[in-house]
Protein backbone atom coordinates (compact mmCIF):
# COMPACT_ATOMS: atom_id res chain seq x y z
CA MET A 1 45.34 25.85 15.55
CA VAL A 2 42.84 23.59 17.19
CA THR A 3 42.27 23.17 21.03
CA VAL A 4 40.22 20.66 22.54
CA LYS A 5 39.09 21.09 25.70
CA GLN A 6 37.19 18.86 28.41
CA VAL A 7 33.94 19.84 29.67
CA GLN A 8 33.72 20.99 32.89
CA SER A 9 31.02 22.99 33.96
CA LYS A 10 27.43 23.92 33.37
CA SER A 11 27.91 26.47 30.84
CA ASP A 12 30.58 24.27 28.96
CA LEU A 13 27.90 21.62 28.78
CA LYS A 14 25.42 24.31 27.18
CA ARG A 15 27.98 25.18 24.65
CA PHE A 16 28.41 21.39 24.08
CA VAL A 17 24.25 21.34 23.22
CA LYS A 18 24.11 24.37 21.72
CA PHE A 19 27.04 23.99 19.11
CA PRO A 20 24.93 22.40 16.36
CA PHE A 21 22.22 24.87 16.57
CA SER A 22 24.96 26.95 14.94
CA LEU A 23 26.45 24.32 12.76
CA TYR A 24 22.85 23.47 11.23
CA LYS A 25 21.37 26.74 11.73
CA ASP A 26 20.58 26.97 7.72
CA SER A 27 19.62 23.11 7.42
CA PRO A 28 16.30 22.71 6.68
CA TYR A 29 16.31 18.73 7.60
CA TRP A 30 18.14 19.18 11.36
CA VAL A 31 15.77 18.59 14.16
CA PRO A 32 17.00 20.14 17.00
CA PRO A 33 16.85 18.68 20.48
CA ILE A 34 15.35 20.33 23.58
CA ILE A 35 18.37 22.02 25.40
CA LYS A 36 17.02 21.33 28.67
CA ASP A 37 16.20 17.62 28.27
CA GLU A 38 19.52 17.20 26.15
CA MET A 39 21.37 18.68 29.09
CA ALA A 40 19.72 16.28 31.51
CA SER A 41 20.62 12.95 29.57
CA PHE A 42 24.46 14.24 30.13
CA ASP A 43 23.87 14.84 33.84
CA LYS A 44 25.56 11.90 35.69
CA ASP A 45 23.17 12.65 38.88
CA GLU A 46 20.14 12.07 36.68
CA ASN A 47 20.83 9.65 33.81
CA PRO A 48 21.28 5.88 35.27
CA VAL A 49 23.35 5.22 32.49
CA PHE A 50 25.90 6.24 34.44
CA LYS A 51 25.79 3.69 36.86
CA THR A 52 27.56 1.39 34.38
CA ALA A 53 28.90 3.72 31.97
CA GLU A 54 31.15 6.73 32.00
CA ALA A 55 31.51 9.71 29.48
CA GLN A 56 34.02 12.27 29.04
CA PHE A 57 32.56 15.25 26.82
CA PHE A 58 34.95 17.42 24.36
CA LEU A 59 34.86 21.25 22.81
CA ALA A 60 36.94 21.96 20.18
CA TYR A 61 38.06 25.54 19.72
CA LYS A 62 39.73 27.36 16.84
CA ASP A 63 40.19 30.99 16.78
CA ASN A 64 38.36 31.18 20.32
CA LYS A 65 35.28 29.56 18.64
CA VAL A 66 33.51 26.20 19.06
CA VAL A 67 33.87 24.30 15.89
CA GLY A 68 33.41 20.54 17.12
CA ARG A 69 32.35 18.38 19.89
CA VAL A 70 32.29 14.71 20.94
CA ALA A 71 31.29 12.42 23.80
CA ALA A 72 33.75 9.60 24.64
CA ILE A 73 31.92 6.66 26.25
CA ILE A 74 32.69 3.33 27.78
CA ASN A 75 29.61 1.24 28.30
CA TRP A 76 31.25 -1.08 31.38
CA LEU A 77 28.32 -3.82 30.88
CA GLU A 78 29.41 -4.28 27.39
CA VAL A 79 33.28 -4.38 28.24
CA LYS A 80 32.91 -6.45 31.39
CA GLU A 81 29.98 -8.95 30.76
CA GLN A 82 30.33 -8.99 26.90
CA GLY A 83 34.45 -8.90 26.81
CA LEU A 84 34.01 -6.17 24.15
CA LYS A 85 36.82 -3.81 24.58
CA LYS A 86 35.13 -0.94 22.74
CA MET A 87 35.59 2.48 23.12
CA ARG A 88 32.58 4.28 22.28
CA PHE A 89 31.93 7.62 20.87
CA GLY A 90 28.88 9.73 19.72
CA TRP A 91 27.52 13.48 19.80
CA PHE A 92 30.42 13.88 17.18
CA ASP A 93 29.95 17.01 15.20
CA PHE A 94 32.44 19.47 13.42
CA VAL A 95 33.02 22.04 10.83
CA ASP A 96 34.37 20.74 7.57
CA ASP A 97 37.95 20.77 9.10
CA LEU A 98 40.08 17.55 9.07
CA GLU A 99 42.40 19.05 11.52
CA VAL A 100 39.32 19.48 13.89
CA SER A 101 37.53 16.13 13.27
CA LYS A 102 41.15 14.43 13.95
CA ALA A 103 41.86 16.15 16.91
CA LEU A 104 38.55 15.39 18.85
CA LEU A 105 38.92 11.58 17.55
CA ASP A 106 42.46 11.75 19.11
CA LYS A 107 41.16 12.45 22.69
CA VAL A 108 38.77 9.62 21.92
CA ARG A 109 41.62 7.47 21.18
CA GLU A 110 43.54 8.72 24.31
CA ILE A 111 41.02 7.30 26.66
CA GLY A 112 40.55 4.28 25.04
CA ASN A 113 44.33 3.39 25.25
CA GLN A 114 44.29 4.61 28.93
CA ASN A 115 41.48 1.93 29.43
CA GLN A 116 43.28 -1.02 27.78
CA LEU A 117 40.63 -0.90 25.31
CA GLU A 118 41.24 -2.33 21.83
CA TYR A 119 38.85 -0.49 19.35
CA MET A 120 36.48 2.49 19.03
CA GLU A 121 33.07 2.48 17.37
CA GLY A 122 30.92 5.46 16.30
CA PRO A 123 28.66 7.61 16.27
CA VAL A 124 26.89 5.47 18.67
CA GLY A 125 25.19 6.43 22.16
CA PHE A 126 25.48 4.94 25.81
CA SER A 127 22.96 2.27 24.94
CA ASN A 128 20.74 0.72 22.48
CA LEU A 129 18.26 3.03 22.89
CA ASP A 130 20.19 6.02 22.09
CA LYS A 131 20.78 7.52 18.60
CA VAL A 132 23.22 5.42 16.17
CA GLY A 133 25.05 5.97 12.77
CA VAL A 134 26.25 8.75 10.92
CA LEU A 135 24.22 9.62 7.71
CA THR A 136 25.52 8.64 4.47
CA GLU A 137 22.49 8.63 2.31
CA GLY A 138 19.27 10.79 2.41
CA PHE A 139 20.34 14.11 3.46
CA ASP A 140 17.16 15.80 1.88
CA HIS A 141 14.83 14.11 4.32
CA ILE A 142 14.04 16.14 7.45
CA GLY A 143 15.48 14.02 10.70
CA THR A 144 13.58 12.59 13.28
CA MET A 145 13.85 13.30 17.05
CA VAL A 146 15.52 9.83 17.63
CA THR A 147 18.14 9.93 14.80
CA TRP A 148 21.33 12.28 14.28
CA TYR A 149 21.34 14.32 11.29
CA ASN A 150 24.90 15.42 9.81
CA HIS A 151 26.32 17.13 6.72
CA PRO A 152 27.71 15.05 3.83
CA TYR A 153 31.21 16.08 4.69
CA TYR A 154 31.20 13.70 7.62
CA GLN A 155 31.72 10.06 5.98
CA SER A 156 34.52 11.60 3.75
CA HIS A 157 36.30 12.81 7.74
CA TYR A 158 35.83 9.21 8.95
CA GLU A 159 37.48 7.74 5.96
CA GLN A 160 40.14 10.00 5.73
CA HIS A 161 41.18 9.19 9.21
CA GLY A 162 41.33 5.80 8.50
CA PHE A 163 38.22 4.67 9.67
CA THR A 164 36.06 1.53 8.30
CA LYS A 165 32.44 0.80 8.07
CA GLU A 166 31.22 -1.48 10.75
CA LYS A 167 27.43 -2.03 11.11
CA GLU A 168 25.10 -0.17 8.52
CA TYR A 169 21.45 0.84 8.87
CA ARG A 170 18.46 1.70 6.61
CA GLU A 171 15.56 4.08 7.01
CA SER A 172 12.39 3.21 5.35
CA LYS A 173 9.27 4.95 4.71
CA PHE A 174 5.97 3.74 3.15
CA LEU A 175 2.20 5.22 3.15
CA ALA A 176 -0.11 4.11 5.54
CA ALA A 177 -2.75 3.69 2.61
CA ASN A 178 -0.20 0.61 1.79
CA ALA A 179 -0.67 -1.30 4.72
CA ASP A 180 -3.99 -3.10 3.30
CA PRO A 181 -6.07 -4.93 5.56
CA LYS A 182 -6.24 -7.77 3.19
CA LEU A 183 -2.99 -8.68 4.13
CA PHE A 184 -2.78 -9.15 8.11
CA ALA A 185 -7.11 -9.02 8.91
CA LYS A 186 -7.53 -12.66 8.25
CA ALA A 187 -4.37 -13.90 9.68
CA ASN A 188 -5.24 -11.66 12.86
CA VAL A 189 -7.91 -13.81 13.54
CA LEU A 190 -6.39 -17.19 12.91
CA ILE A 191 -3.31 -16.21 14.86
CA LYS A 192 -5.07 -14.82 18.09
CA LYS A 193 -7.29 -18.14 17.92
CA ARG A 194 -4.33 -20.56 17.54
CA TYR A 195 -2.26 -19.09 20.05
CA GLY A 196 -4.75 -17.68 22.38
CA LEU A 197 -3.65 -14.16 22.27
CA ARG A 198 -5.28 -10.96 22.61
CA GLU A 199 -4.31 -7.60 21.95
CA LEU A 200 -3.95 -4.83 24.31
CA ASN A 201 -5.27 -1.03 23.41
CA PHE A 202 -4.86 1.90 25.28
CA GLU A 203 -6.28 5.56 26.01
CA LYS A 204 -4.44 6.58 28.96
CA SER A 205 -0.57 6.36 29.67
CA SER A 206 -1.42 5.21 33.20
CA GLU A 207 -2.84 2.26 31.68
CA ILE A 208 0.58 1.55 30.09
CA MET A 209 2.24 2.04 33.10
CA PRO A 210 1.81 -1.45 34.98
CA TRP A 211 2.94 -3.32 31.77
CA VAL A 212 6.33 -1.27 31.38
CA ASP A 213 8.60 -3.34 33.02
CA LYS A 214 7.52 -6.65 31.52
CA MET A 215 8.03 -4.84 28.20
CA PHE A 216 11.47 -3.71 28.51
CA ASP A 217 11.94 -7.20 29.76
CA LEU A 218 10.69 -8.51 26.14
CA PHE A 219 12.94 -5.88 24.55
CA ASN A 220 16.08 -7.42 26.42
CA ASP A 221 14.91 -11.04 25.00
CA THR A 222 13.88 -10.21 21.60
CA TYR A 223 17.43 -8.10 20.93
CA ALA A 224 19.75 -10.28 22.82
CA LYS A 225 20.97 -11.78 19.88
CA LEU A 226 22.00 -8.66 17.95
CA SER A 227 25.37 -7.56 17.41
CA SER A 228 26.76 -5.28 20.60
CA PHE A 229 23.34 -5.48 22.64
CA VAL A 230 23.51 -3.88 25.94
CA LYS A 231 20.66 -4.87 28.10
CA ILE A 232 18.48 -2.31 29.87
CA THR A 233 19.04 -2.13 33.57
CA ASP A 234 16.26 -2.27 35.89
CA VAL A 235 17.12 1.51 36.89
CA GLN A 236 17.51 2.56 33.29
CA LYS A 237 13.72 1.08 32.92
CA GLU A 238 12.48 3.48 35.78
CA TYR A 239 14.20 6.41 33.83
CA PHE A 240 12.85 5.54 30.40
CA LYS A 241 9.47 4.94 31.78
CA LYS A 242 9.00 8.53 33.27
CA LYS A 243 11.22 10.51 30.21
CA TYR A 244 9.34 8.70 27.30
CA ILE A 245 6.25 6.63 27.93
CA SER A 246 4.23 9.69 29.37
CA PHE A 247 5.27 11.77 26.34
CA ILE A 248 3.94 9.24 23.82
CA ASN A 249 0.35 9.27 22.76
CA PRO A 250 -1.15 5.91 24.55
CA GLU A 251 -3.10 4.89 21.28
CA TYR A 252 0.47 4.40 19.78
CA ILE A 253 1.50 1.85 21.95
CA LYS A 254 0.06 -2.04 21.25
CA PHE A 255 0.58 -5.00 23.13
CA VAL A 256 -0.07 -8.45 22.69
CA VAL A 257 -0.61 -10.95 25.27
CA ASP A 258 -1.47 -15.06 26.12
CA ALA A 259 -4.04 -16.50 27.77
CA GLU A 260 -2.24 -15.71 31.04
CA ASP A 261 -1.65 -12.28 30.51
CA ASN A 262 2.36 -12.72 29.50
CA LEU A 263 3.43 -10.11 27.12
CA VAL A 264 4.66 -11.66 23.94
CA ALA A 265 4.79 -8.71 21.67
CA PHE A 266 4.66 -4.93 21.90
CA ALA A 267 5.14 -1.82 19.55
CA ILE A 268 5.95 1.52 20.31
CA VAL A 269 4.92 4.57 17.69
CA MET A 270 5.38 7.91 18.09
CA PRO A 271 3.85 10.70 15.99
CA SER A 272 6.35 12.94 14.20
CA PHE A 273 7.90 15.77 16.50
CA SER A 274 10.06 16.95 13.88
CA GLU A 275 8.11 20.02 12.73
CA ALA A 276 7.41 20.93 16.16
CA LEU A 277 11.19 20.70 17.59
CA GLN A 278 11.88 22.79 14.68
CA LYS A 279 9.51 25.30 15.48
CA ALA A 280 10.47 25.30 19.34
CA LYS A 281 13.96 25.80 18.38
CA GLY A 282 15.08 23.95 21.52
CA LYS A 283 13.13 25.18 24.02
CA LEU A 284 9.57 23.85 25.60
CA PHE A 285 8.45 27.62 26.60
CA PRO A 286 6.68 29.79 26.10
CA PHE A 287 5.47 28.25 22.94
CA GLY A 288 7.65 25.17 21.85
CA ILE A 289 5.37 22.57 24.37
CA PHE A 290 2.27 23.73 22.52
CA HIS A 291 4.20 22.87 18.59
CA LEU A 292 4.65 19.36 20.77
CA LEU A 293 1.30 18.73 22.01
CA ASN A 294 -0.48 19.73 18.78
CA ALA A 295 2.30 17.12 16.91
CA ARG A 296 1.25 14.38 19.60
CA LYS A 297 -2.46 14.55 18.57
CA HIS A 298 -2.19 15.68 15.11
CA SER A 299 0.75 14.60 13.02
CA LYS A 300 0.16 12.88 9.81
CA ASP A 301 3.43 11.04 9.96
CA ALA A 302 4.11 8.00 12.56
CA ILE A 303 7.64 7.10 13.36
CA PHE A 304 7.75 3.18 14.27
CA TYR A 305 10.08 3.49 17.21
CA LEU A 306 10.36 -0.27 18.69
CA ILE A 307 8.84 -3.72 18.02
CA GLY A 308 9.44 -6.56 20.09
CA ILE A 309 8.32 -10.21 19.82
CA HIS A 310 9.36 -12.97 22.10
CA PRO A 311 11.49 -15.45 20.45
CA LYS A 312 8.63 -18.11 21.02
CA TYR A 313 6.39 -16.02 18.87
CA GLN A 314 8.63 -15.23 16.45
CA ASN A 315 7.72 -15.84 12.80
CA LYS A 316 4.23 -17.35 13.73
CA GLY A 317 2.17 -14.14 12.41
CA VAL A 318 2.19 -12.49 15.83
CA THR A 319 2.85 -8.86 13.82
CA SER A 320 -0.64 -9.31 12.03
CA ILE A 321 -2.05 -8.58 15.29
CA ILE A 322 0.14 -5.60 15.85
CA PHE A 323 -0.76 -4.06 12.38
CA ASN A 324 -4.41 -4.65 12.55
CA GLU A 325 -4.55 -2.75 15.54
CA TYR A 326 -2.67 0.34 13.85
CA HIS A 327 -4.52 0.24 10.90
CA HIS A 328 -7.75 1.25 12.86
CA THR A 329 -5.75 3.78 14.73
CA PHE A 330 -4.24 5.29 12.06
CA LYS A 331 -7.34 5.27 9.68
CA LYS A 332 -9.16 7.33 12.90
CA ARG A 333 -6.10 9.89 13.20
CA GLY A 334 -5.49 10.33 9.40
CA VAL A 335 -1.79 9.25 9.44
CA VAL A 336 -0.63 9.36 5.87
CA ASN A 337 3.02 8.34 6.23
CA CYS A 338 4.66 5.90 8.32
CA ILE A 339 8.85 6.16 9.11
CA ARG A 340 11.09 3.32 10.32
CA THR A 341 13.56 4.22 12.52
CA PRO A 342 17.20 2.92 11.80
CA GLU A 343 17.43 -0.75 11.14
CA LEU A 344 20.07 -3.05 10.74
CA GLU A 345 20.99 -3.93 7.15
CA ASP A 346 21.55 -7.57 7.99
CA ASN A 347 18.21 -8.07 10.08
CA ILE A 348 16.49 -9.71 7.62
CA ALA A 349 13.50 -10.53 9.52
CA ILE A 350 12.47 -7.08 10.10
CA GLN A 351 12.99 -6.39 6.63
CA GLN A 352 10.43 -9.33 5.57
CA MET A 353 8.23 -8.01 7.99
CA TRP A 354 7.33 -4.62 6.24
CA LYS A 355 8.13 -6.43 2.70
CA HIS A 356 4.26 -6.18 1.72
CA PHE A 357 3.75 -2.55 2.63
CA ASP A 358 6.28 -1.40 -0.19
CA PRO A 359 8.60 0.34 1.72
CA LYS A 360 11.03 2.75 0.14
CA VAL A 361 14.35 3.18 1.51
CA ILE A 362 14.95 6.96 2.28
CA LYS A 363 18.27 6.97 4.49
CA ARG A 364 21.15 4.84 5.06
CA ARG A 365 23.61 5.40 7.98
CA CYS A 366 26.52 3.53 9.59
CA THR A 367 29.01 3.35 12.17
CA TYR A 368 32.45 3.51 11.59
CA VAL A 369 35.43 1.64 13.76
CA LYS A 370 38.75 1.82 13.80
CA ASP A 371 41.50 -0.22 15.95
CA LEU A 372 43.10 1.72 18.82
């Protein structure tokens, strides 16, 4: 018999965070989070997303053993401002037992009905900067710190419980050597001259900080038209600034500004921390921090996390400026592989942007939806 219990205490929350460590203990592809950071992201007093969203966390037990988990989420900005009566759910992990996955999804459905919502979709996080999608292809590729990994049987559980595919995503990889300067070096010069643009490169995190709020504003402008986009609030900007920007190698952040220093484009790339996180095993100390710092400086894999271009400058070749700068940085750092995080299958514009670099799709994932 399966019993589902709501997380009520810090020890319960730790069980919630640590469950995947046992579920994937034999997987060479799963990338564990840092336990302390994961718990902080679920702390209602620490993560500002809870000012506009709410979440309940559940654990499934069978024979007094944790066998599954799920976070049931309502983003009130999405529900009230966008009119999307959506019940979100994420951090959904379970053993290969239909009774377990059903019991957890029933809890999500129950909360959705209590709040007069119309459908449930997952796996998704609190906002657009969280992880998204269940992996459906590419199980033999190592995960990243910004995506969920899962066993192949997950997809079958969704479908057997009556869910249908909603949004589909792809993740691609290309060799840094494929980014031939002939494709963008000349355009870089012409575009900068035509529109009065210039690049900004950084050596220290402190140099980036004055620009971060503008970057998030541009992020909101760039992605506003995408389905189910929820804007980043001012409070969240401060949170992400403290949590992430100082951790990213400043050389991997590129901005483009106009003659008046208005931000017109940005790109955030991260060194791959996947192998370092596997070595850290969920803990920064005593040795985890050294693995991460080593990866920050020496990883040969670069993860393209975010690219944003002001609507006024889209389709005008501004990406040539960004690619030109990354070419120099990657050459200096000896980067071998470039990996793209999940991009919507129907986002043709972003796919066109990469086509000259001969990218190979290595993973696919999707969200699933069901009416309440």
